C-alpha atoms as a PDB file:
ATOM      1  CA  MET A   1     -73.631 -25.444 -26.692  1.00  0.00           C
ATOM      2  CA  ASN A   2     -71.877 -28.784 -27.324  1.00  0.00           C
ATOM      3  CA  SER A   3     -71.604 -30.508 -30.736  1.00  0.00           C
ATOM      4  CA  HIS A   4     -74.359 -33.017 -29.919  1.00  0.00           C
ATOM      5  CA  THR A   5     -76.775 -30.199 -29.069  1.00  0.00           C
ATOM      6  CA  VAL A   6     -75.813 -28.350 -32.275  1.00  0.00           C
ATOM      7  CA  SER A   7     -76.401 -31.491 -34.355  1.00  0.00           C
ATOM      8  CA  LYS A   8     -79.829 -31.981 -32.801  1.00  0.00           C
ATOM      9  CA  ALA A   9     -80.721 -28.341 -33.421  1.00  0.00           C
ATOM     10  CA  VAL A  10     -79.663 -28.559 -37.077  1.00  0.00           C
ATOM     11  CA  ALA A  11     -81.567 -31.815 -37.592  1.00  0.00           C
ATOM     12  CA  ALA A  12     -84.670 -30.237 -36.086  1.00  0.00           C
ATOM     13  CA  TYR A  13     -84.301 -27.217 -38.372  1.00  0.00           C
ATOM     14  CA  VAL A  14     -83.939 -29.359 -41.506  1.00  0.00           C
ATOM     15  CA  LEU A  15     -87.043 -31.344 -40.520  1.00  0.00           C
ATOM     16  CA  PHE A  16     -88.929 -28.102 -39.855  1.00  0.00           C
ATOM     17  CA  VAL A  17     -88.099 -26.713 -43.291  1.00  0.00           C
ATOM     18  CA  ALA A  18     -88.897 -29.991 -45.061  1.00  0.00           C
ATOM     19  CA  VAL A  19     -92.332 -30.120 -43.454  1.00  0.00           C
ATOM     20  CA  LEU A  20     -92.891 -26.421 -44.089  1.00  0.00           C
ATOM     21  CA  LEU A  21     -92.056 -26.566 -47.781  1.00  0.00           C
ATOM     22  CA  GLY A  22     -93.828 -29.843 -48.441  1.00  0.00           C
ATOM     23  CA  SER A  23     -94.465 -30.114 -52.173  1.00  0.00           C
ATOM     24  CA  SER A  24     -94.336 -26.366 -52.831  1.00  0.00           C
ATOM     25  CA  SER A  25     -90.709 -26.480 -53.932  1.00  0.00           C
ATOM     26  CA  CYS A  26     -91.016 -29.435 -56.282  1.00  0.00           C
ATOM     27  CA  GLY A  27     -89.824 -29.039 -59.840  1.00  0.00           C
ATOM     28  CA  MET A  28     -86.913 -26.703 -59.140  1.00  0.00           C
ATOM     29  CA  PHE A  29     -84.410 -29.037 -60.776  1.00  0.00           C
ATOM     30  CA  VAL A  30     -84.087 -32.083 -63.011  1.00  0.00           C
ATOM     31  CA  GLY A  31     -82.661 -35.547 -62.390  1.00  0.00           C
ATOM     32  CA  GLY A  32     -79.019 -36.491 -62.210  1.00  0.00           C
ATOM     33  CA  GLU A  33     -78.201 -39.219 -64.747  1.00  0.00           C
ATOM     34  CA  THR A  34     -77.193 -36.888 -67.592  1.00  0.00           C
ATOM     35  CA  SER A  35     -73.588 -37.245 -68.705  1.00  0.00           C
ATOM     36  CA  PHE A  36     -71.283 -34.267 -68.215  1.00  0.00           C
ATOM     37  CA  ASP A  37     -70.276 -34.283 -71.890  1.00  0.00           C
ATOM     38  CA  GLU A  38     -73.867 -33.822 -73.020  1.00  0.00           C
ATOM     39  CA  ASN A  39     -74.143 -30.245 -71.759  1.00  0.00           C
ATOM     40  CA  TYR A  40     -70.687 -29.217 -70.511  1.00  0.00           C
ATOM     41  CA  GLY A  41     -67.018 -29.131 -71.421  1.00  0.00           C
ATOM     42  CA  VAL A  42     -63.792 -28.520 -69.491  1.00  0.00           C
ATOM     43  CA  THR A  43     -62.377 -25.072 -70.312  1.00  0.00           C
ATOM     44  CA  TRP A  44     -59.138 -24.944 -68.311  1.00  0.00           C
ATOM     45  CA  GLY A  45     -57.002 -27.193 -66.123  1.00  0.00           C
ATOM     46  CA  PHE A  46     -57.745 -30.116 -68.428  1.00  0.00           C
ATOM     47  CA  ASP A  47     -55.397 -32.485 -66.562  1.00  0.00           C
ATOM     48  CA  HIS A  48     -57.034 -31.466 -63.260  1.00  0.00           C
ATOM     49  CA  ALA A  49     -60.536 -32.631 -64.247  1.00  0.00           C
ATOM     50  CA  LYS A  50     -61.582 -36.284 -64.126  1.00  0.00           C
ATOM     51  CA  SER A  51     -64.844 -37.978 -65.052  1.00  0.00           C
ATOM     52  CA  TYR A  52     -66.341 -40.937 -63.153  1.00  0.00           C
ATOM     53  CA  HIS A  53     -69.362 -43.240 -63.287  1.00  0.00           C
ATOM     54  CA  GLN A  54     -69.959 -43.048 -67.039  1.00  0.00           C
ATOM     55  CA  GLY A  55     -69.598 -39.277 -66.994  1.00  0.00           C
ATOM     56  CA  THR A  56     -72.238 -38.596 -64.318  1.00  0.00           C
ATOM     57  CA  GLU A  57     -69.667 -37.248 -61.840  1.00  0.00           C
ATOM     58  CA  VAL A  58     -66.719 -34.896 -62.383  1.00  0.00           C
ATOM     59  CA  GLN A  59     -63.892 -34.174 -59.974  1.00  0.00           C
ATOM     60  CA  LEU A  60     -61.896 -30.936 -60.164  1.00  0.00           C
ATOM     61  CA  SER A  61     -58.492 -30.739 -58.443  1.00  0.00           C
ATOM     62  CA  LEU A  62     -56.391 -27.805 -57.272  1.00  0.00           C
ATOM     63  CA  ASP A  63     -52.656 -27.889 -56.579  1.00  0.00           C
ATOM     64  CA  LEU A  64     -49.681 -25.587 -57.089  1.00  0.00           C
ATOM     65  CA  ALA A  65     -49.760 -26.235 -60.826  1.00  0.00           C
ATOM     66  CA  SER A  66     -53.418 -25.434 -61.550  1.00  0.00           C
ATOM     67  CA  GLY A  67     -57.066 -25.557 -60.659  1.00  0.00           C
ATOM     68  CA  ALA A  68     -59.780 -26.406 -63.174  1.00  0.00           C
ATOM     69  CA  GLY A  69     -63.079 -25.265 -64.579  1.00  0.00           C
ATOM     70  CA  PHE A  70     -65.895 -26.163 -66.942  1.00  0.00           C
ATOM     71  CA  GLU A  71     -68.813 -24.402 -68.596  1.00  0.00           C
ATOM     72  CA  SER A  72     -71.990 -25.196 -70.492  1.00  0.00           C
ATOM     73  CA  LYS A  73     -71.720 -25.672 -74.242  1.00  0.00           C
ATOM     74  CA  VAL A  74     -74.468 -23.121 -74.899  1.00  0.00           C
ATOM     75  CA  SER A  75     -75.760 -19.934 -73.280  1.00  0.00           C
ATOM     76  CA  TYR A  76     -79.250 -19.569 -71.819  1.00  0.00           C
ATOM     77  CA  GLY A  77     -81.839 -16.822 -71.526  1.00  0.00           C
ATOM     78  CA  SER A  78     -83.749 -18.253 -68.549  1.00  0.00           C
ATOM     79  CA  GLY A  79     -83.957 -21.471 -66.593  1.00  0.00           C
ATOM     80  CA  SER A  80     -83.467 -23.396 -63.373  1.00  0.00           C
ATOM     81  CA  PHE A  81     -79.803 -24.333 -63.112  1.00  0.00           C
ATOM     82  CA  HIS A  82     -78.919 -26.958 -60.584  1.00  0.00           C
ATOM     83  CA  MET A  83     -75.917 -29.008 -59.538  1.00  0.00           C
ATOM     84  CA  LYS A  84     -74.971 -31.345 -56.704  1.00  0.00           C
ATOM     85  CA  ILE A  85     -71.586 -30.441 -55.208  1.00  0.00           C
ATOM     86  CA  LYS A  86     -69.312 -31.947 -52.561  1.00  0.00           C
ATOM     87  CA  LEU A  87     -66.629 -29.525 -51.378  1.00  0.00           C
ATOM     88  CA  PRO A  88     -62.958 -30.150 -50.560  1.00  0.00           C
ATOM     89  CA  GLY A  89     -62.493 -31.395 -47.014  1.00  0.00           C
ATOM     90  CA  ARG A  90     -59.790 -30.914 -44.384  1.00  0.00           C
ATOM     91  CA  ASN A  91     -57.986 -27.559 -44.370  1.00  0.00           C
ATOM     92  CA  SER A  92     -59.390 -25.686 -47.390  1.00  0.00           C
ATOM     93  CA  ALA A  93     -58.579 -22.093 -46.378  1.00  0.00           C
ATOM     94  CA  GLY A  94     -57.972 -19.984 -49.487  1.00  0.00           C
ATOM     95  CA  VAL A  95     -59.808 -22.441 -51.753  1.00  0.00           C
ATOM     96  CA  VAL A  96     -62.848 -21.334 -53.747  1.00  0.00           C
ATOM     97  CA  THR A  97     -65.347 -23.758 -55.272  1.00  0.00           C
ATOM     98  CA  ALA A  98     -67.750 -21.961 -57.605  1.00  0.00           C
ATOM     99  CA  PHE A  99     -71.023 -22.604 -59.430  1.00  0.00           C
ATOM    100  CA  TYR A 100     -72.426 -19.632 -61.307  1.00  0.00           C
ATOM    101  CA  LEU A 101     -74.041 -18.159 -64.400  1.00  0.00           C
ATOM    102  CA  THR A 102     -72.166 -15.566 -66.437  1.00  0.00           C
ATOM    103  CA  SER A 103     -72.322 -13.753 -69.731  1.00  0.00           C
ATOM    104  CA  SER A 104     -69.347 -13.184 -72.026  1.00  0.00           C
ATOM    105  CA  PRO A 105     -66.447 -11.456 -70.232  1.00  0.00           C
ATOM    106  CA  VAL A 106     -67.054  -8.068 -71.795  1.00  0.00           C
ATOM    107  CA  SER A 107     -67.972  -4.678 -70.399  1.00  0.00           C
ATOM    108  CA  GLY A 108     -71.467  -4.692 -68.946  1.00  0.00           C
ATOM    109  CA  HIS A 109     -71.658  -8.413 -68.208  1.00  0.00           C
ATOM    110  CA  ASP A 110     -74.247 -10.108 -65.966  1.00  0.00           C
ATOM    111  CA  GLU A 111     -73.394 -12.802 -63.431  1.00  0.00           C
ATOM    112  CA  LEU A 112     -75.164 -14.824 -60.721  1.00  0.00           C
ATOM    113  CA  ASP A 113     -72.636 -16.343 -58.305  1.00  0.00           C
ATOM    114  CA  ILE A 114     -72.507 -19.113 -55.752  1.00  0.00           C
ATOM    115  CA  GLU A 115     -68.996 -19.349 -54.284  1.00  0.00           C
ATOM    116  CA  PHE A 116     -67.863 -21.550 -51.413  1.00  0.00           C
ATOM    117  CA  LEU A 117     -65.041 -19.957 -49.427  1.00  0.00           C
ATOM    118  CA  GLY A 118     -62.907 -22.610 -47.776  1.00  0.00           C
ATOM    119  CA  ASN A 119     -61.704 -22.470 -44.191  1.00  0.00           C
ATOM    120  CA  GLN A 120     -59.416 -24.109 -41.682  1.00  0.00           C
ATOM    121  CA  GLU A 121     -60.506 -27.528 -40.522  1.00  0.00           C
ATOM    122  CA  GLY A 122     -63.244 -27.291 -37.899  1.00  0.00           C
ATOM    123  CA  LYS A 123     -64.347 -23.807 -38.949  1.00  0.00           C
ATOM    124  CA  PRO A 124     -67.419 -23.141 -41.105  1.00  0.00           C
ATOM    125  CA  ILE A 125     -67.205 -22.868 -44.869  1.00  0.00           C
ATOM    126  CA  THR A 126     -68.958 -19.753 -46.140  1.00  0.00           C
ATOM    127  CA  LEU A 127     -71.377 -19.782 -49.050  1.00  0.00           C
ATOM    128  CA  GLN A 128     -71.111 -16.397 -50.772  1.00  0.00           C
ATOM    129  CA  THR A 129     -73.639 -15.194 -53.332  1.00  0.00           C
ATOM    130  CA  ASN A 130     -73.141 -12.188 -55.584  1.00  0.00           C
ATOM    131  CA  ILE A 131     -75.072 -10.579 -58.428  1.00  0.00           C
ATOM    132  CA  PHE A 132     -73.501  -8.608 -61.265  1.00  0.00           C
ATOM    133  CA  ILE A 133     -75.776  -6.428 -63.370  1.00  0.00           C
ATOM    134  CA  ASN A 134     -74.379  -4.592 -66.375  1.00  0.00           C
ATOM    135  CA  GLY A 135     -70.848  -5.063 -65.061  1.00  0.00           C
ATOM    136  CA  LYS A 136     -71.554  -3.927 -61.476  1.00  0.00           C
ATOM    137  CA  GLY A 137     -71.220  -6.432 -58.651  1.00  0.00           C
ATOM    138  CA  ASP A 138     -70.404  -5.785 -54.972  1.00  0.00           C
ATOM    139  CA  ARG A 139     -73.742  -7.315 -53.909  1.00  0.00           C
ATOM    140  CA  GLU A 140     -72.383 -10.018 -51.608  1.00  0.00           C
ATOM    141  CA  GLN A 141     -74.513 -11.983 -49.172  1.00  0.00           C
ATOM    142  CA  ARG A 142     -72.854 -14.747 -47.155  1.00  0.00           C
ATOM    143  CA  PHE A 143     -74.172 -17.733 -45.230  1.00  0.00           C
ATOM    144  CA  HIS A 144     -72.834 -20.333 -42.822  1.00  0.00           C
ATOM    145  CA  LEU A 145     -74.501 -23.555 -43.906  1.00  0.00           C
ATOM    146  CA  TRP A 146     -76.488 -25.731 -41.506  1.00  0.00           C
ATOM    147  CA  PHE A 147     -74.644 -28.883 -42.625  1.00  0.00           C
ATOM    148  CA  ASP A 148     -71.109 -29.962 -43.497  1.00  0.00           C
ATOM    149  CA  PRO A 149     -70.805 -29.396 -47.282  1.00  0.00           C
ATOM    150  CA  THR A 150     -67.613 -31.467 -47.386  1.00  0.00           C
ATOM    151  CA  ALA A 151     -69.241 -34.650 -46.035  1.00  0.00           C
ATOM    152  CA  ASP A 152     -71.694 -35.328 -48.860  1.00  0.00           C
ATOM    153  CA  PHE A 153     -73.325 -33.907 -51.978  1.00  0.00           C
ATOM    154  CA  HIS A 154     -75.909 -31.139 -51.604  1.00  0.00           C
ATOM    155  CA  ASP A 155     -78.167 -29.398 -54.118  1.00  0.00           C
ATOM    156  CA  TYR A 156     -77.483 -25.835 -55.243  1.00  0.00           C
ATOM    157  CA  THR A 157     -79.881 -24.101 -57.623  1.00  0.00           C
ATOM    158  CA  ILE A 158     -80.119 -20.735 -59.366  1.00  0.00           C
ATOM    159  CA  LEU A 159     -83.623 -20.073 -60.699  1.00  0.00           C
ATOM    160  CA  TRP A 160     -83.653 -17.227 -63.234  1.00  0.00           C
ATOM    161  CA  ASN A 161     -86.676 -16.004 -65.134  1.00  0.00           C
ATOM    162  CA  HIS A 162     -88.078 -12.618 -66.140  1.00  0.00           C
ATOM    163  CA  HIS A 163     -89.691 -12.129 -62.709  1.00  0.00           C
ATOM    164  CA  GLN A 164     -87.126 -13.204 -60.133  1.00  0.00           C
ATOM    165  CA  VAL A 165     -83.729 -14.683 -59.402  1.00  0.00           C
ATOM    166  CA  ALA A 166     -83.722 -17.204 -56.549  1.00  0.00           C
ATOM    167  CA  PHE A 167     -80.745 -18.988 -54.997  1.00  0.00           C
ATOM    168  CA  LEU A 168     -81.614 -22.278 -53.269  1.00  0.00           C
ATOM    169  CA  VAL A 169     -79.699 -24.750 -51.099  1.00  0.00           C
ATOM    170  CA  ASP A 170     -81.270 -28.207 -50.893  1.00  0.00           C
ATOM    171  CA  ASN A 171     -84.362 -26.530 -52.346  1.00  0.00           C
ATOM    172  CA  ILE A 172     -84.487 -23.960 -49.514  1.00  0.00           C
ATOM    173  CA  PRO A 173     -84.427 -20.372 -50.858  1.00  0.00           C
ATOM    174  CA  ILE A 174     -81.652 -18.278 -49.306  1.00  0.00           C
ATOM    175  CA  ARG A 175     -81.581 -15.254 -51.602  1.00  0.00           C
ATOM    176  CA  MET A 176     -83.841 -13.632 -54.174  1.00  0.00           C
ATOM    177  CA  LEU A 177     -83.979 -10.588 -56.416  1.00  0.00           C
ATOM    178  CA  LYS A 178     -87.222  -9.317 -57.918  1.00  0.00           C
ATOM    179  CA  ASN A 179     -87.411  -7.765 -61.375  1.00  0.00           C
ATOM    180  CA  VAL A 180     -88.796  -4.322 -60.563  1.00  0.00           C
ATOM    181  CA  LYS A 181     -89.012  -1.498 -63.097  1.00  0.00           C
ATOM    182  CA  GLY A 182     -86.235   1.020 -62.563  1.00  0.00           C
ATOM    183  CA  ILE A 183     -84.104  -1.438 -60.568  1.00  0.00           C
ATOM    184  CA  GLY A 184     -81.250  -3.279 -62.242  1.00  0.00           C
ATOM    185  CA  TYR A 185     -81.939  -6.887 -63.225  1.00  0.00           C
ATOM    186  CA  PRO A 186     -79.838  -9.487 -65.117  1.00  0.00           C
ATOM    187  CA  ALA A 187     -81.861  -9.621 -68.328  1.00  0.00           C
ATOM    188  CA  GLY A 188     -79.524  -8.119 -70.900  1.00  0.00           C
ATOM    189  CA  HIS A 189     -77.293 -11.056 -71.790  1.00  0.00           C
ATOM    190  CA  PRO A 190     -77.490 -14.815 -72.339  1.00  0.00           C
ATOM    191  CA  LEU A 191     -75.636 -16.659 -69.562  1.00  0.00           C
ATOM    192  CA  LYS A 192     -73.464 -19.770 -69.476  1.00  0.00           C
ATOM    193  CA  VAL A 193     -73.309 -22.186 -66.527  1.00  0.00           C
ATOM    194  CA  VAL A 194     -69.829 -22.478 -64.989  1.00  0.00           C
ATOM    195  CA  GLY A 195     -68.154 -24.628 -62.337  1.00  0.00           C
ATOM    196  CA  SER A 196     -64.605 -24.125 -61.086  1.00  0.00           C
ATOM    197  CA  LEU A 197     -62.050 -24.775 -58.342  1.00  0.00           C
ATOM    198  CA  TRP A 198     -59.310 -22.206 -57.700  1.00  0.00           C
ATOM    199  CA  ASN A 199     -57.335 -20.379 -55.020  1.00  0.00           C
ATOM    200  CA  ALA A 200     -57.997 -16.796 -53.902  1.00  0.00           C
ATOM    201  CA  SER A 201     -55.906 -14.801 -51.444  1.00  0.00           C
ATOM    202  CA  TRP A 202     -59.018 -12.991 -50.150  1.00  0.00           C
ATOM    203  CA  ALA A 203     -61.213 -16.052 -49.569  1.00  0.00           C
ATOM    204  CA  THR A 204     -60.638 -16.775 -45.866  1.00  0.00           C
ATOM    205  CA  ASP A 205     -60.650 -14.252 -43.013  1.00  0.00           C
ATOM    206  CA  GLY A 206     -60.371 -11.412 -45.506  1.00  0.00           C
ATOM    207  CA  GLY A 207     -57.038 -12.777 -46.718  1.00  0.00           C
ATOM    208  CA  ALA A 208     -55.525 -13.227 -43.260  1.00  0.00           C
ATOM    209  CA  THR A 209     -55.519 -17.037 -43.617  1.00  0.00           C
ATOM    210  CA  PRO A 210     -53.698 -18.118 -46.804  1.00  0.00           C
ATOM    211  CA  ILE A 211     -53.912 -21.440 -48.549  1.00  0.00           C
ATOM    212  CA  ASP A 212     -51.776 -24.248 -47.085  1.00  0.00           C
ATOM    213  CA  TRP A 213     -50.471 -26.150 -50.100  1.00  0.00           C
ATOM    214  CA  SER A 214     -49.347 -29.072 -47.928  1.00  0.00           C
ATOM    215  CA  TYR A 215     -53.024 -30.166 -47.998  1.00  0.00           C
ATOM    216  CA  ALA A 216     -53.129 -30.248 -51.810  1.00  0.00           C
ATOM    217  CA  PRO A 217     -54.561 -31.605 -53.970  1.00  0.00           C
ATOM    218  CA  PHE A 218     -57.889 -30.045 -53.015  1.00  0.00           C
ATOM    219  CA  GLN A 219     -60.767 -31.839 -54.732  1.00  0.00           C
ATOM    220  CA  ALA A 220     -64.393 -30.927 -55.414  1.00  0.00           C
ATOM    221  CA  GLN A 221     -66.984 -33.273 -56.919  1.00  0.00           C
ATOM    222  CA  PHE A 222     -69.897 -32.252 -59.150  1.00  0.00           C
ATOM    223  CA  ARG A 223     -72.986 -34.248 -60.182  1.00  0.00           C
ATOM    224  CA  ASP A 224     -76.325 -33.689 -61.941  1.00  0.00           C
ATOM    225  CA  PHE A 225     -75.509 -32.235 -65.332  1.00  0.00           C
ATOM    226  CA  GLY A 226     -79.003 -32.003 -66.738  1.00  0.00           C
ATOM    227  CA  VAL A 227     -80.004 -28.433 -67.645  1.00  0.00           C
ATOM    228  CA  SER A 228     -83.487 -26.908 -67.515  1.00  0.00           C
ATOM    229  CA  GLY A 229     -82.789 -23.820 -69.590  1.00  0.00           C
ATOM    230  CA  CYS A 230     -83.816 -21.917 -72.721  1.00  0.00           C
ATOM    231  CA  PRO A 231     -80.881 -21.778 -75.180  1.00  0.00           C
ATOM    232  CA  ALA A 232     -80.106 -18.238 -76.321  1.00  0.00           C
ATOM    233  CA  ALA A 233     -77.201 -17.293 -78.558  1.00  0.00           C
ATOM    234  CA  ALA A 234     -77.738 -13.531 -78.464  1.00  0.00           C
ATOM    235  CA  TYR A 235     -79.788 -10.753 -76.879  1.00  0.00           C
ATOM    236  CA  ALA A 236     -82.355 -11.056 -79.673  1.00  0.00           C
ATOM    237  CA  ASP A 237     -83.180 -14.585 -78.455  1.00  0.00           C
ATOM    238  CA  LEU A 238     -84.006 -13.568 -74.885  1.00  0.00           C
ATOM    239  CA  ARG A 239     -87.635 -12.579 -75.377  1.00  0.00           C
ATOM    240  CA  GLY A 240     -88.521 -16.098 -76.513  1.00  0.00           C
ATOM    241  CA  CYS A 241     -86.982 -17.386 -73.276  1.00  0.00           C
ATOM    242  CA  PHE A 242     -89.701 -15.587 -71.276  1.00  0.00           C
ATOM    243  CA  SER A 243     -92.367 -17.881 -72.757  1.00  0.00           C
ATOM    244  CA  PRO A 244     -94.726 -19.591 -70.258  1.00  0.00           C
ATOM    245  CA  SER A 245     -94.202 -22.803 -72.201  1.00  0.00           C
ATOM    246  CA  TYR A 246     -91.036 -23.268 -70.113  1.00  0.00           C
ATOM    247  CA  TRP A 247     -91.997 -24.639 -66.698  1.00  0.00           C
ATOM    248  CA  TRP A 248     -89.688 -22.281 -64.786  1.00  0.00           C
ATOM    249  CA  ASN A 249     -91.589 -19.310 -66.255  1.00  0.00           C
ATOM    250  CA  ALA A 250     -94.943 -20.507 -64.915  1.00  0.00           C
ATOM    251  CA  ARG A 251     -96.723 -18.137 -62.526  1.00  0.00           C
ATOM    252  CA  GLN A 252     -95.827 -20.248 -59.489  1.00  0.00           C
ATOM    253  CA  TYR A 253     -92.152 -19.354 -60.106  1.00  0.00           C
ATOM    254  CA  TRP A 254     -92.713 -15.599 -60.347  1.00  0.00           C
ATOM    255  CA  ARG A 255     -92.357 -15.286 -56.591  1.00  0.00           C
ATOM    256  CA  LEU A 256     -91.815 -17.462 -53.542  1.00  0.00           C
ATOM    257  CA  SER A 257     -94.805 -19.288 -52.156  1.00  0.00           C
ATOM    258  CA  LYS A 258     -95.915 -18.499 -48.591  1.00  0.00           C
ATOM    259  CA  ALA A 259     -94.148 -21.607 -47.324  1.00  0.00           C
ATOM    260  CA  GLN A 260     -90.976 -20.802 -49.258  1.00  0.00           C
ATOM    261  CA  LEU A 261     -91.032 -17.208 -48.021  1.00  0.00           C
ATOM    262  CA  LYS A 262     -91.275 -18.367 -44.404  1.00  0.00           C
ATOM    263  CA  ALA A 263     -88.359 -20.769 -44.898  1.00  0.00           C
ATOM    264  CA  TYR A 264     -86.415 -18.018 -46.697  1.00  0.00           C
ATOM    265  CA  LEU A 265     -86.840 -15.500 -43.892  1.00  0.00           C
ATOM    266  CA  ASP A 266     -86.066 -18.057 -41.191  1.00  0.00           C
ATOM    267  CA  THR A 267     -82.936 -19.322 -42.966  1.00  0.00           C
ATOM    268  CA  ARG A 268     -81.600 -15.814 -43.495  1.00  0.00           C
ATOM    269  CA  LYS A 269     -82.233 -14.933 -39.849  1.00  0.00           C
ATOM    270  CA  ARG A 270     -80.407 -18.033 -38.615  1.00  0.00           C
ATOM    271  CA  TYR A 271     -77.551 -18.417 -41.070  1.00  0.00           C
ATOM    272  CA  MET A 272     -76.771 -15.212 -42.980  1.00  0.00           C
ATOM    273  CA  SER A 273     -73.423 -13.855 -41.766  1.00  0.00           C
ATOM    274  CA  TYR A 274     -73.086 -10.809 -44.040  1.00  0.00           C
ATOM    275  CA  ASP A 275     -75.461  -8.679 -46.119  1.00  0.00           C
ATOM    276  CA  TYR A 276     -74.179  -5.795 -48.210  1.00  0.00           C
ATOM    277  CA  CYS A 277     -77.563  -4.138 -47.773  1.00  0.00           C
ATOM    278  CA  SER A 278     -76.863  -3.797 -44.030  1.00  0.00           C
ATOM    279  CA  ASP A 279     -73.262  -2.623 -44.407  1.00  0.00           C
ATOM    280  CA  ALA A 280     -73.698   1.069 -43.552  1.00  0.00           C
ATOM    281  CA  ALA A 281     -69.953   1.765 -43.720  1.00  0.00           C
ATOM    282  CA  ARG A 282     -69.869   0.544 -47.287  1.00  0.00           C
ATOM    283  CA  TYR A 283     -73.308   1.776 -48.351  1.00  0.00           C
ATOM    284  CA  PRO A 284     -74.569   4.663 -46.137  1.00  0.00           C
ATOM    285  CA  THR A 285     -77.665   4.609 -48.333  1.00  0.00           C
ATOM    286  CA  PRO A 286     -78.667   1.004 -49.165  1.00  0.00           C
ATOM    287  CA  PRO A 287     -78.668   0.245 -52.908  1.00  0.00           C
ATOM    288  CA  PRO A 288     -82.188   0.428 -54.420  1.00  0.00           C
ATOM    289  CA  GLU A 289     -82.545  -3.309 -55.007  1.00  0.00           C
ATOM    290  CA  CYS A 290     -82.204  -3.946 -51.267  1.00  0.00           C
ATOM    291  CA  GLY A 291     -85.890  -3.140 -50.859  1.00  0.00           C
ATOM    292  CA  PHE A 292     -86.833  -5.950 -53.240  1.00  0.00           C
ATOM    293  CA  GLN A 293     -84.986  -8.985 -51.870  1.00  0.00           C
END
C-alpha cells in the first residue's frame, strides 16, 4: 500500500469516527486559553522550559545536559485532564514525551500514564499507556497513532472518576478501566498532573535503538492548561470528589456510550500494537482487570 493510499485510508477512518461519535463525546475537556502559570509550575530542567504566547504554550527541550518537566500546583481526586501536545520531530528514538497523573512518589502510589516513545524518522511513534494501582504497574497497552503526532497539536485526555478511567486521543477512547469491586482501581490517592520530556534507553525497539544526540535539542510543545478537576489534598478529601455536582461524575461519564464503545473497539482493533492482557508469556493467566477493559 503506497503512502497516498494510506493517507486516504486514515482520512476516511477519522471521518468515520467523527460521524460516529457526533456530539456524544462533547464536554470531555475545557478550552485552551488558560495560562500555564495558573495551574502548573516547572519542577525540573528550569532552563529547558520556555513559555510562549502569553503563557498559553510551553516548550520543553531535551539535550545532553537535561530534559524538563512540570506538574500541577495541586492534587486532584477526580476529573477530566486534557492537554494538546506536539511531539519532537525528526529522529526521536530514545526520547519519551509524557503526560500523566501520579500520586506522591511513595510506596503504594497510583499513576495513569500516557507516554510517547520516539522512533527513527519515518517509523511510527508509539503511544504507550500504563496504569499503576497501589504501586503495581506493568499494565502496558501500546498504539500506533493514525496521524503524525509531530506535525501538529493533538488532544490527549485522561478521564478519571469513581466509575471508570478512560484514555482518549482527539476525543476517541483508546483505553478504559472499570471500577469493579474486588478489582484494583486508582482511588486511594490524590493525583497531580505531570508533563515531561526525557530520554530512556528502553524506549525504542526495546532498547536496541539508542538516542542520537546529534539531533538534539529535542523539543515538545504543550497547550491547553485549563483543568477540570476536583482539588484534593489528602485521602480524606476524595469522597467529596465523587459528587455528581462535577460534570465528569455525571452518569453519562460512568461508561462509554454506544457510539464511543464502537469507536473504542474499532480503534483498538486497527491500531493497538501491544496488550499486556494478551501477552501469555508474561501473564499465562490474564490479570483480573483484563475482563473489565
